[in-house]
Amino acid sequence: PSASAFMSGGPEDPENVLLEVDGDTAQLWESPGKLGMLVTMAK
């Protein structure tokens, strides 16, 4: 349903295509959580 909300036509419309992304690398920054972020900012 989200696709229908943002794109005209349907899955059979030849103008609707996929972008396929093959990831090579990723970087991850884990969140300390809201409390941890507030403590870090306060310090």
ModelCIF file with pLDDT and N, C-alpha, C, O atoms, coordinates in Angstrom:
data_MODEL
#
_entry.id   MODEL 
#
_entity.id                         1 
_entity.type                       polymer 
_entity.pdbx_number_of_molecules   1 
#
_entity_poly.entity_id                      1 
_entity_poly.type                           'polypeptide(L)' 
_entity_poly.nstd_linkage                   no 
_entity_poly.nstd_monomer                   no 
_entity_poly.pdbx_seq_one_letter_code       PSASAFMSGGPEDPENVLLEVDGDTAQLWESPGKLGMLVTMAK 
_entity_poly.pdbx_seq_one_letter_code_can   PSASAFMSGGPEDPENVLLEVDGDTAQLWESPGKLGMLVTMAK 
_entity_poly.pdbx_strand_id                 A 
#
loop_
_entity_poly_seq.entity_id 
_entity_poly_seq.num 
_entity_poly_seq.mon_id 
_entity_poly_seq.hetero 
1 1  PRO n 
1 2  SER n 
1 3  ALA n 
1 4  SER n 
1 5  ALA n 
1 6  PHE n 
1 7  MET n 
1 8  SER n 
1 9  GLY n 
1 10 GLY n 
1 11 PRO n 
1 12 GLU n 
1 13 ASP n 
1 14 PRO n 
1 15 GLU n 
1 16 ASN n 
1 17 VAL n 
1 18 LEU n 
1 19 LEU n 
1 20 GLU n 
1 21 VAL n 
1 22 ASP n 
1 23 GLY n 
1 24 ASP n 
1 25 THR n 
1 26 ALA n 
1 27 GLN n 
1 28 LEU n 
1 29 TRP n 
1 30 GLU n 
1 31 SER n 
1 32 PRO n 
1 33 GLY n 
1 34 LYS n 
1 35 LEU n 
1 36 GLY n 
1 37 MET n 
1 38 LEU n 
1 39 VAL n 
1 40 THR n 
1 41 MET n 
1 42 ALA n 
1 43 LYS n 
#
_struct_asym.id          A 
_struct_asym.entity_id   1 
#
loop_
_ma_qa_metric.id 
_ma_qa_metric.mode 
_ma_qa_metric.name 
_ma_qa_metric.software_group_id 
_ma_qa_metric.type 
1 global pLDDT . pLDDT 
2 local  pLDDT . pLDDT 
#
_ma_qa_metric_global.metric_id      1 
_ma_qa_metric_global.metric_value   79.65 
_ma_qa_metric_global.model_id       1 
_ma_qa_metric_global.ordinal_id     1 
#
loop_
_ma_qa_metric_local.label_asym_id 
_ma_qa_metric_local.label_comp_id 
_ma_qa_metric_local.label_seq_id 
_ma_qa_metric_local.metric_id 
_ma_qa_metric_local.metric_value 
_ma_qa_metric_local.model_id 
_ma_qa_metric_local.ordinal_id 
A PRO 1  2 88.00 1 1  
A SER 2  2 86.00 1 2  
A ALA 3  2 89.00 1 3  
A SER 4  2 87.00 1 4  
A ALA 5  2 88.00 1 5  
A PHE 6  2 86.00 1 6  
A MET 7  2 89.00 1 7  
A SER 8  2 89.00 1 8  
A GLY 9  2 91.00 1 9  
A GLY 10 2 93.00 1 10 
A PRO 11 2 94.00 1 11 
A GLU 12 2 94.00 1 12 
A ASP 13 2 96.00 1 13 
A PRO 14 2 95.00 1 14 
A GLU 15 2 96.00 1 15 
A ASN 16 2 96.00 1 16 
A VAL 17 2 97.00 1 17 
A LEU 18 2 97.00 1 18 
A LEU 19 2 97.00 1 19 
A GLU 20 2 97.00 1 20 
A VAL 21 2 97.00 1 21 
A ASP 22 2 96.00 1 22 
A GLY 23 2 95.00 1 23 
A ASP 24 2 94.00 1 24 
A THR 25 2 94.00 1 25 
A ALA 26 2 94.00 1 26 
A GLN 27 2 94.00 1 27 
A LEU 28 2 93.00 1 28 
A TRP 29 2 92.00 1 29 
A GLU 30 2 90.00 1 30 
A SER 31 2 82.00 1 31 
A PRO 32 2 68.00 1 32 
A GLY 33 2 50.00 1 33 
A LYS 34 2 47.00 1 34 
A LEU 35 2 42.00 1 35 
A GLY 36 2 42.00 1 36 
A MET 37 2 43.00 1 37 
A LEU 38 2 41.00 1 38 
A VAL 39 2 41.00 1 39 
A THR 40 2 45.00 1 40 
A MET 41 2 45.00 1 41 
A ALA 42 2 47.00 1 42 
A LYS 43 2 48.00 1 43 
#
loop_
_atom_site.group_PDB 
_atom_site.id 
_atom_site.type_symbol 
_atom_site.label_atom_id 
_atom_site.label_alt_id 
_atom_site.label_comp_id 
_atom_site.label_asym_id 
_atom_site.label_entity_id 
_atom_site.label_seq_id 
_atom_site.pdbx_PDB_ins_code 
_atom_site.Cartn_x 
_atom_site.Cartn_y 
_atom_site.Cartn_z 
_atom_site.occupancy 
_atom_site.B_iso_or_equiv 
_atom_site.pdbx_formal_charge 
_atom_site.auth_seq_id 
_atom_site.auth_comp_id 
_atom_site.auth_asym_id 
_atom_site.auth_atom_id 
_atom_site.pdbx_PDB_model_num 
ATOM 1   N N  . PRO A 1 1  ? 0.805  -1.235 0.000   1.00 88.00 ? 1  PRO A N  1 
ATOM 2   C CA . PRO A 1 1  ? 0.000  0.000  0.000   1.00 88.00 ? 1  PRO A CA 1 
ATOM 3   C C  . PRO A 1 1  ? 0.835  1.282  0.000   1.00 88.00 ? 1  PRO A C  1 
ATOM 4   O O  . PRO A 1 1  ? 0.418  2.288  -0.574  1.00 88.00 ? 1  PRO A O  1 
ATOM 5   N N  . SER A 1 2  ? 2.003  1.256  0.634   1.00 86.00 ? 2  SER A N  1 
ATOM 6   C CA . SER A 1 2  ? 2.833  2.475  0.636   1.00 86.00 ? 2  SER A CA 1 
ATOM 7   C C  . SER A 1 2  ? 3.319  2.804  -0.775  1.00 86.00 ? 2  SER A C  1 
ATOM 8   O O  . SER A 1 2  ? 3.458  3.976  -1.125  1.00 86.00 ? 2  SER A O  1 
ATOM 9   N N  . ALA A 1 3  ? 3.574  1.786  -1.578  1.00 89.00 ? 3  ALA A N  1 
ATOM 10  C CA . ALA A 1 3  ? 4.002  2.029  -2.966  1.00 89.00 ? 3  ALA A CA 1 
ATOM 11  C C  . ALA A 1 3  ? 2.879  2.708  -3.740  1.00 89.00 ? 3  ALA A C  1 
ATOM 12  O O  . ALA A 1 3  ? 3.118  3.647  -4.500  1.00 89.00 ? 3  ALA A O  1 
ATOM 13  N N  . SER A 1 4  ? 1.653  2.229  -3.544  1.00 87.00 ? 4  SER A N  1 
ATOM 14  C CA . SER A 1 4  ? 0.503  2.833  -4.234  1.00 87.00 ? 4  SER A CA 1 
ATOM 15  C C  . SER A 1 4  ? 0.289  4.284  -3.813  1.00 87.00 ? 4  SER A C  1 
ATOM 16  O O  . SER A 1 4  ? -0.197 5.098  -4.598  1.00 87.00 ? 4  SER A O  1 
ATOM 17  N N  . ALA A 1 5  ? 0.652  4.604  -2.573  1.00 88.00 ? 5  ALA A N  1 
ATOM 18  C CA . ALA A 1 5  ? 0.484  5.973  -2.078  1.00 88.00 ? 5  ALA A CA 1 
ATOM 19  C C  . ALA A 1 5  ? 1.465  6.943  -2.728  1.00 88.00 ? 5  ALA A C  1 
ATOM 20  O O  . ALA A 1 5  ? 1.164  8.129  -2.868  1.00 88.00 ? 5  ALA A O  1 
ATOM 21  N N  . PHE A 1 6  ? 2.647  6.445  -3.129  1.00 86.00 ? 6  PHE A N  1 
ATOM 22  C CA . PHE A 1 6  ? 3.680  7.335  -3.647  1.00 86.00 ? 6  PHE A CA 1 
ATOM 23  C C  . PHE A 1 6  ? 3.942  7.189  -5.144  1.00 86.00 ? 6  PHE A C  1 
ATOM 24  O O  . PHE A 1 6  ? 4.633  8.020  -5.734  1.00 86.00 ? 6  PHE A O  1 
ATOM 25  N N  . MET A 1 7  ? 3.401  6.144  -5.762  1.00 89.00 ? 7  MET A N  1 
ATOM 26  C CA . MET A 1 7  ? 3.700  5.903  -7.173  1.00 89.00 ? 7  MET A CA 1 
ATOM 27  C C  . MET A 1 7  ? 2.417  5.701  -7.951  1.00 89.00 ? 7  MET A C  1 
ATOM 28  O O  . MET A 1 7  ? 1.466  5.095  -7.457  1.00 89.00 ? 7  MET A O  1 
ATOM 29  N N  . SER A 1 8  ? 2.396  6.216  -9.175  1.00 89.00 ? 8  SER A N  1 
ATOM 30  C CA . SER A 1 8  ? 1.216  6.026  -10.017 1.00 89.00 ? 8  SER A CA 1 
ATOM 31  C C  . SER A 1 8  ? 1.285  4.654  -10.678 1.00 89.00 ? 8  SER A C  1 
ATOM 32  O O  . SER A 1 8  ? 2.341  4.026  -10.737 1.00 89.00 ? 8  SER A O  1 
ATOM 33  N N  . GLY A 1 9  ? 0.151  4.213  -11.165 1.00 91.00 ? 9  GLY A N  1 
ATOM 34  C CA . GLY A 1 9  ? 0.103  2.890  -11.776 1.00 91.00 ? 9  GLY A CA 1 
ATOM 35  C C  . GLY A 1 9  ? 0.164  1.826  -10.700 1.00 91.00 ? 9  GLY A C  1 
ATOM 36  O O  . GLY A 1 9  ? -0.131 2.090  -9.534  1.00 91.00 ? 9  GLY A O  1 
ATOM 37  N N  . GLY A 1 10 ? 0.530  0.672  -11.077 1.00 93.00 ? 10 GLY A N  1 
ATOM 38  C CA . GLY A 1 10 ? 0.651  -0.434 -10.139 1.00 93.00 ? 10 GLY A CA 1 
ATOM 39  C C  . GLY A 1 10 ? 1.879  -1.241 -10.481 1.00 93.00 ? 10 GLY A C  1 
ATOM 40  O O  . GLY A 1 10 ? 2.715  -0.796 -11.267 1.00 93.00 ? 10 GLY A O  1 
ATOM 41  N N  . PRO A 1 11 ? 2.004  -2.422 -9.904  1.00 94.00 ? 11 PRO A N  1 
ATOM 42  C CA . PRO A 1 11 ? 3.197  -3.225 -10.165 1.00 94.00 ? 11 PRO A CA 1 
ATOM 43  C C  . PRO A 1 11 ? 3.325  -3.657 -11.629 1.00 94.00 ? 11 PRO A C  1 
ATOM 44  O O  . PRO A 1 11 ? 4.413  -4.011 -12.081 1.00 94.00 ? 11 PRO A O  1 
ATOM 45  N N  . GLU A 1 12 ? 2.217  -3.626 -12.361 1.00 94.00 ? 12 GLU A N  1 
ATOM 46  C CA . GLU A 1 12 ? 2.281  -4.020 -13.772 1.00 94.00 ? 12 GLU A CA 1 
ATOM 47  C C  . GLU A 1 12 ? 2.710  -2.877 -14.688 1.00 94.00 ? 12 GLU A C  1 
ATOM 48  O O  . GLU A 1 12 ? 3.018  -3.112 -15.856 1.00 94.00 ? 12 GLU A O  1 
ATOM 49  N N  . ASP A 1 13 ? 2.734  -1.638 -14.178 1.00 96.00 ? 13 ASP A N  1 
ATOM 50  C CA . ASP A 1 13 ? 3.142  -0.467 -14.962 1.00 96.00 ? 13 ASP A CA 1 
ATOM 51  C C  . ASP A 1 13 ? 4.629  -0.598 -15.310 1.00 96.00 ? 13 ASP A C  1 
ATOM 52  O O  . ASP A 1 13 ? 5.454  -0.685 -14.401 1.00 96.00 ? 13 ASP A O  1 
ATOM 53  N N  . PRO A 1 14 ? 4.993  -0.616 -16.588 1.00 95.00 ? 14 PRO A N  1 
ATOM 54  C CA . PRO A 1 14 ? 6.394  -0.810 -16.969 1.00 95.00 ? 14 PRO A CA 1 
ATOM 55  C C  . PRO A 1 14 ? 7.321  0.314  -16.513 1.00 95.00 ? 14 PRO A C  1 
ATOM 56  O O  . PRO A 1 14 ? 8.539  0.136  -16.487 1.00 95.00 ? 14 PRO A O  1 
ATOM 57  N N  . GLU A 1 15 ? 6.756  1.474  -16.153 1.00 96.00 ? 15 GLU A N  1 
ATOM 58  C CA . GLU A 1 15 ? 7.600  2.565  -15.655 1.00 96.00 ? 15 GLU A CA 1 
ATOM 59  C C  . GLU A 1 15 ? 7.998  2.358  -14.189 1.00 96.00 ? 15 GLU A C  1 
ATOM 60  O O  . GLU A 1 15 ? 8.939  2.991  -13.710 1.00 96.00 ? 15 GLU A O  1 
ATOM 61  N N  . ASN A 1 16 ? 7.290  1.480  -13.478 1.00 96.00 ? 16 ASN A N  1 
ATOM 62  C CA . ASN A 1 16 ? 7.638  1.186  -12.093 1.00 96.00 ? 16 ASN A CA 1 
ATOM 63  C C  . ASN A 1 16 ? 8.678  0.076  -12.078 1.00 96.00 ? 16 ASN A C  1 
ATOM 64  O O  . ASN A 1 16 ? 8.430  -1.033 -12.553 1.00 96.00 ? 16 ASN A O  1 
ATOM 65  N N  . VAL A 1 17 ? 9.849  0.390  -11.525 1.00 97.00 ? 17 VAL A N  1 
ATOM 66  C CA . VAL A 1 17 ? 10.972 -0.546 -11.518 1.00 97.00 ? 17 VAL A CA 1 
ATOM 67  C C  . VAL A 1 17 ? 11.574 -0.610 -10.114 1.00 97.00 ? 17 VAL A C  1 
ATOM 68  O O  . VAL A 1 17 ? 11.171 0.121  -9.208  1.00 97.00 ? 17 VAL A O  1 
ATOM 69  N N  . LEU A 1 18 ? 12.522 -1.481 -9.968  1.00 97.00 ? 18 LEU A N  1 
ATOM 70  C CA . LEU A 1 18 ? 13.246 -1.616 -8.710  1.00 97.00 ? 18 LEU A CA 1 
ATOM 71  C C  . LEU A 1 18 ? 14.650 -1.055 -8.848  1.00 97.00 ? 18 LEU A C  1 
ATOM 72  O O  . LEU A 1 18 ? 15.285 -1.169 -9.896  1.00 97.00 ? 18 LEU A O  1 
ATOM 73  N N  . LEU A 1 19 ? 15.119 -0.449 -7.773  1.00 97.00 ? 19 LEU A N  1 
ATOM 74  C CA . LEU A 1 19 ? 16.545 -0.182 -7.629  1.00 97.00 ? 19 LEU A CA 1 
ATOM 75  C C  . LEU A 1 19 ? 17.034 -1.246 -6.661  1.00 97.00 ? 19 LEU A C  1 
ATOM 76  O O  . LEU A 1 19 ? 16.577 -1.316 -5.520  1.00 97.00 ? 19 LEU A O  1 
ATOM 77  N N  . GLU A 1 20 ? 17.942 -2.054 -7.110  1.00 97.00 ? 20 GLU A N  1 
ATOM 78  C CA . GLU A 1 20 ? 18.524 -3.099 -6.280  1.00 97.00 ? 20 GLU A CA 1 
ATOM 79  C C  . GLU A 1 20 ? 19.902 -2.613 -5.859  1.00 97.00 ? 20 GLU A C  1 
ATOM 80  O O  . GLU A 1 20 ? 20.744 -2.316 -6.706  1.00 97.00 ? 20 GLU A O  1 
ATOM 81  N N  . VAL A 1 21 ? 20.132 -2.532 -4.556  1.00 97.00 ? 21 VAL A N  1 
ATOM 82  C CA . VAL A 1 21 ? 21.423 -2.079 -4.047  1.00 97.00 ? 21 VAL A CA 1 
ATOM 83  C C  . VAL A 1 21 ? 22.134 -3.260 -3.406  1.00 97.00 ? 21 VAL A C  1 
ATOM 84  O O  . VAL A 1 21 ? 21.628 -3.881 -2.472  1.00 97.00 ? 21 VAL A O  1 
ATOM 85  N N  . ASP A 1 22 ? 23.311 -3.553 -3.926  1.00 96.00 ? 22 ASP A N  1 
ATOM 86  C CA . ASP A 1 22 ? 24.172 -4.583 -3.346  1.00 96.00 ? 22 ASP A CA 1 
ATOM 87  C C  . ASP A 1 22 ? 25.198 -3.860 -2.476  1.00 96.00 ? 22 ASP A C  1 
ATOM 88  O O  . ASP A 1 22 ? 26.077 -3.160 -2.978  1.00 96.00 ? 22 ASP A O  1 
ATOM 89  N N  . GLY A 1 23 ? 25.066 -4.044 -1.163  1.00 95.00 ? 23 GLY A N  1 
ATOM 90  C CA . GLY A 1 23 ? 25.953 -3.369 -0.226  1.00 95.00 ? 23 GLY A CA 1 
ATOM 91  C C  . GLY A 1 23 ? 27.321 -4.023 -0.168  1.00 95.00 ? 23 GLY A C  1 
ATOM 92  O O  . GLY A 1 23 ? 27.438 -5.248 -0.131  1.00 95.00 ? 23 GLY A O  1 
ATOM 93  N N  . ASP A 1 24 ? 28.350 -3.194 -0.162  1.00 94.00 ? 24 ASP A N  1 
ATOM 94  C CA . ASP A 1 24 ? 29.729 -3.671 -0.037  1.00 94.00 ? 24 ASP A CA 1 
ATOM 95  C C  . ASP A 1 24 ? 30.207 -3.548 1.404   1.00 94.00 ? 24 ASP A C  1 
ATOM 96  O O  . ASP A 1 24 ? 30.767 -4.484 1.975   1.00 94.00 ? 24 ASP A O  1 
ATOM 97  N N  . THR A 1 25 ? 29.971 -2.360 1.983   1.00 94.00 ? 25 THR A N  1 
ATOM 98  C CA . THR A 1 25 ? 30.403 -2.088 3.349   1.00 94.00 ? 25 THR A CA 1 
ATOM 99  C C  . THR A 1 25 ? 29.319 -1.314 4.083   1.00 94.00 ? 25 THR A C  1 
ATOM 100 O O  . THR A 1 25 ? 28.443 -0.694 3.479   1.00 94.00 ? 25 THR A O  1 
ATOM 101 N N  . ALA A 1 26 ? 29.408 -1.370 5.398   1.00 94.00 ? 26 ALA A N  1 
ATOM 102 C CA . ALA A 1 26 ? 28.492 -0.586 6.234   1.00 94.00 ? 26 ALA A CA 1 
ATOM 103 C C  . ALA A 1 26 ? 29.272 -0.041 7.416   1.00 94.00 ? 26 ALA A C  1 
ATOM 104 O O  . ALA A 1 26 ? 30.244 -0.640 7.874   1.00 94.00 ? 26 ALA A O  1 
ATOM 105 N N  . GLN A 1 27 ? 28.829 1.096  7.891   1.00 94.00 ? 27 GLN A N  1 
ATOM 106 C CA . GLN A 1 27 ? 29.343 1.650  9.127   1.00 94.00 ? 27 GLN A CA 1 
ATOM 107 C C  . GLN A 1 27 ? 28.165 1.719  10.081  1.00 94.00 ? 27 GLN A C  1 
ATOM 108 O O  . GLN A 1 27 ? 27.056 2.069  9.677   1.00 94.00 ? 27 GLN A O  1 
ATOM 109 N N  . LEU A 1 28 ? 28.398 1.387  11.347  1.00 93.00 ? 28 LEU A N  1 
ATOM 110 C CA . LEU A 1 28 ? 27.358 1.369  12.363  1.00 93.00 ? 28 LEU A CA 1 
ATOM 111 C C  . LEU A 1 28 ? 27.800 2.205  13.552  1.00 93.00 ? 28 LEU A C  1 
ATOM 112 O O  . LEU A 1 28 ? 28.878 1.996  14.109  1.00 93.00 ? 28 LEU A O  1 
ATOM 113 N N  . TRP A 1 29 ? 26.961 3.144  13.927  1.00 92.00 ? 29 TRP A N  1 
ATOM 114 C CA . TRP A 1 29 ? 27.136 3.892  15.158  1.00 92.00 ? 29 TRP A CA 1 
ATOM 115 C C  . TRP A 1 29 ? 25.958 3.521  16.041  1.00 92.00 ? 29 TRP A C  1 
ATOM 116 O O  . TRP A 1 29 ? 24.817 3.864  15.731  1.00 92.00 ? 29 TRP A O  1 
ATOM 117 N N  . GLU A 1 30 ? 26.222 2.824  17.135  1.00 90.00 ? 30 GLU A N  1 
ATOM 118 C CA . GLU A 1 30 ? 25.133 2.434  18.023  1.00 90.00 ? 30 GLU A CA 1 
ATOM 119 C C  . GLU A 1 30 ? 24.749 3.611  18.906  1.00 90.00 ? 30 GLU A C  1 
ATOM 120 O O  . GLU A 1 30 ? 25.607 4.369  19.359  1.00 90.00 ? 30 GLU A O  1 
ATOM 121 N N  . SER A 1 31 ? 23.466 3.752  19.143  1.00 82.00 ? 31 SER A N  1 
ATOM 122 C CA . SER A 1 31 ? 22.954 4.827  19.977  1.00 82.00 ? 31 SER A CA 1 
ATOM 123 C C  . SER A 1 31 ? 23.127 4.464  21.450  1.00 82.00 ? 31 SER A C  1 
ATOM 124 O O  . SER A 1 31 ? 22.860 3.330  21.849  1.00 82.00 ? 31 SER A O  1 
ATOM 125 N N  . PRO A 1 32 ? 23.574 5.430  22.259  1.00 68.00 ? 32 PRO A N  1 
ATOM 126 C CA . PRO A 1 32 ? 23.663 5.158  23.691  1.00 68.00 ? 32 PRO A CA 1 
ATOM 127 C C  . PRO A 1 32 ? 22.297 5.245  24.374  1.00 68.00 ? 32 PRO A C  1 
ATOM 128 O O  . PRO A 1 32 ? 22.190 5.057  25.586  1.00 68.00 ? 32 PRO A O  1 
ATOM 129 N N  . GLY A 1 33 ? 21.268 5.528  23.598  1.00 50.00 ? 33 GLY A N  1 
ATOM 130 C CA . GLY A 1 33 ? 19.936 5.721  24.174  1.00 50.00 ? 33 GLY A CA 1 
ATOM 131 C C  . GLY A 1 33 ? 19.755 7.173  24.563  1.00 50.00 ? 33 GLY A C  1 
ATOM 132 O O  . GLY A 1 33 ? 20.722 7.931  24.621  1.00 50.00 ? 33 GLY A O  1 
ATOM 133 N N  . LYS A 1 34 ? 18.529 7.559  24.826  1.00 47.00 ? 34 LYS A N  1 
ATOM 134 C CA . LYS A 1 34 ? 18.240 8.969  25.128  1.00 47.00 ? 34 LYS A CA 1 
ATOM 135 C C  . LYS A 1 34 ? 18.935 9.429  26.402  1.00 47.00 ? 34 LYS A C  1 
ATOM 136 O O  . LYS A 1 34 ? 19.522 10.511 26.430  1.00 47.00 ? 34 LYS A O  1 
ATOM 137 N N  . LEU A 1 35 ? 18.873 8.614  27.463  1.00 42.00 ? 35 LEU A N  1 
ATOM 138 C CA . LEU A 1 35 ? 19.505 9.003  28.718  1.00 42.00 ? 35 LEU A CA 1 
ATOM 139 C C  . LEU A 1 35 ? 21.007 9.107  28.549  1.00 42.00 ? 35 LEU A C  1 
ATOM 140 O O  . LEU A 1 35 ? 21.619 10.063 29.026  1.00 42.00 ? 35 LEU A O  1 
ATOM 141 N N  . GLY A 1 36 ? 21.613 8.133  27.875  1.00 42.00 ? 36 GLY A N  1 
ATOM 142 C CA . GLY A 1 36 ? 23.053 8.163  27.641  1.00 42.00 ? 36 GLY A CA 1 
ATOM 143 C C  . GLY A 1 36 ? 23.465 9.384  26.838  1.00 42.00 ? 36 GLY A C  1 
ATOM 144 O O  . GLY A 1 36 ? 24.507 9.981  27.111  1.00 42.00 ? 36 GLY A O  1 
ATOM 145 N N  . MET A 1 37 ? 22.660 9.766  25.846  1.00 43.00 ? 37 MET A N  1 
ATOM 146 C CA . MET A 1 37 ? 22.951 10.933 25.025  1.00 43.00 ? 37 MET A CA 1 
ATOM 147 C C  . MET A 1 37 ? 22.869 12.211 25.867  1.00 43.00 ? 37 MET A C  1 
ATOM 148 O O  . MET A 1 37 ? 23.710 13.100 25.732  1.00 43.00 ? 37 MET A O  1 
ATOM 149 N N  . LEU A 1 38 ? 21.859 12.301 26.732  1.00 41.00 ? 38 LEU A N  1 
ATOM 150 C CA . LEU A 1 38 ? 21.711 13.475 27.596  1.00 41.00 ? 38 LEU A CA 1 
ATOM 151 C C  . LEU A 1 38 ? 22.884 13.609 28.558  1.00 41.00 ? 38 LEU A C  1 
ATOM 152 O O  . LEU A 1 38 ? 23.374 14.717 28.780  1.00 41.00 ? 38 LEU A O  1 
ATOM 153 N N  . VAL A 1 39 ? 23.341 12.500 29.133  1.00 41.00 ? 39 VAL A N  1 
ATOM 154 C CA . VAL A 1 39 ? 24.489 12.521 30.046  1.00 41.00 ? 39 VAL A CA 1 
ATOM 155 C C  . VAL A 1 39 ? 25.737 12.979 29.309  1.00 41.00 ? 39 VAL A C  1 
ATOM 156 O O  . VAL A 1 39 ? 26.487 13.815 29.813  1.00 41.00 ? 39 VAL A O  1 
ATOM 157 N N  . THR A 1 40 ? 25.962 12.435 28.119  1.00 45.00 ? 40 THR A N  1 
ATOM 158 C CA . THR A 1 40 ? 27.122 12.820 27.315  1.00 45.00 ? 40 THR A CA 1 
ATOM 159 C C  . THR A 1 40 ? 27.085 14.306 26.980  1.00 45.00 ? 40 THR A C  1 
ATOM 160 O O  . THR A 1 40 ? 28.100 14.995 27.078  1.00 45.00 ? 40 THR A O  1 
ATOM 161 N N  . MET A 1 41 ? 25.905 14.801 26.582  1.00 45.00 ? 41 MET A N  1 
ATOM 162 C CA . MET A 1 41 ? 25.777 16.230 26.260  1.00 45.00 ? 41 MET A CA 1 
ATOM 163 C C  . MET A 1 41 ? 26.004 17.098 27.493  1.00 45.00 ? 41 MET A C  1 
ATOM 164 O O  . MET A 1 41 ? 26.673 18.127 27.406  1.00 45.00 ? 41 MET A O  1 
ATOM 165 N N  . ALA A 1 42 ? 25.459 16.700 28.632  1.00 47.00 ? 42 ALA A N  1 
ATOM 166 C CA . ALA A 1 42 ? 25.619 17.471 29.861  1.00 47.00 ? 42 ALA A CA 1 
ATOM 167 C C  . ALA A 1 42 ? 27.088 17.549 30.265  1.00 47.00 ? 42 ALA A C  1 
ATOM 168 O O  . ALA A 1 42 ? 27.568 18.615 30.651  1.00 47.00 ? 42 ALA A O  1 
ATOM 169 N N  . LYS A 1 43 ? 27.805 16.431 30.179  1.00 48.00 ? 43 LYS A N  1 
ATOM 170 C CA . LYS A 1 43 ? 29.231 16.422 30.507  1.00 48.00 ? 43 LYS A CA 1 
ATOM 171 C C  . LYS A 1 43 ? 30.005 17.335 29.560  1.00 48.00 ? 43 LYS A C  1 
ATOM 172 O O  . LYS A 1 43 ? 31.224 17.458 29.680  1.00 48.00 ? 43 LYS A O  1 
#
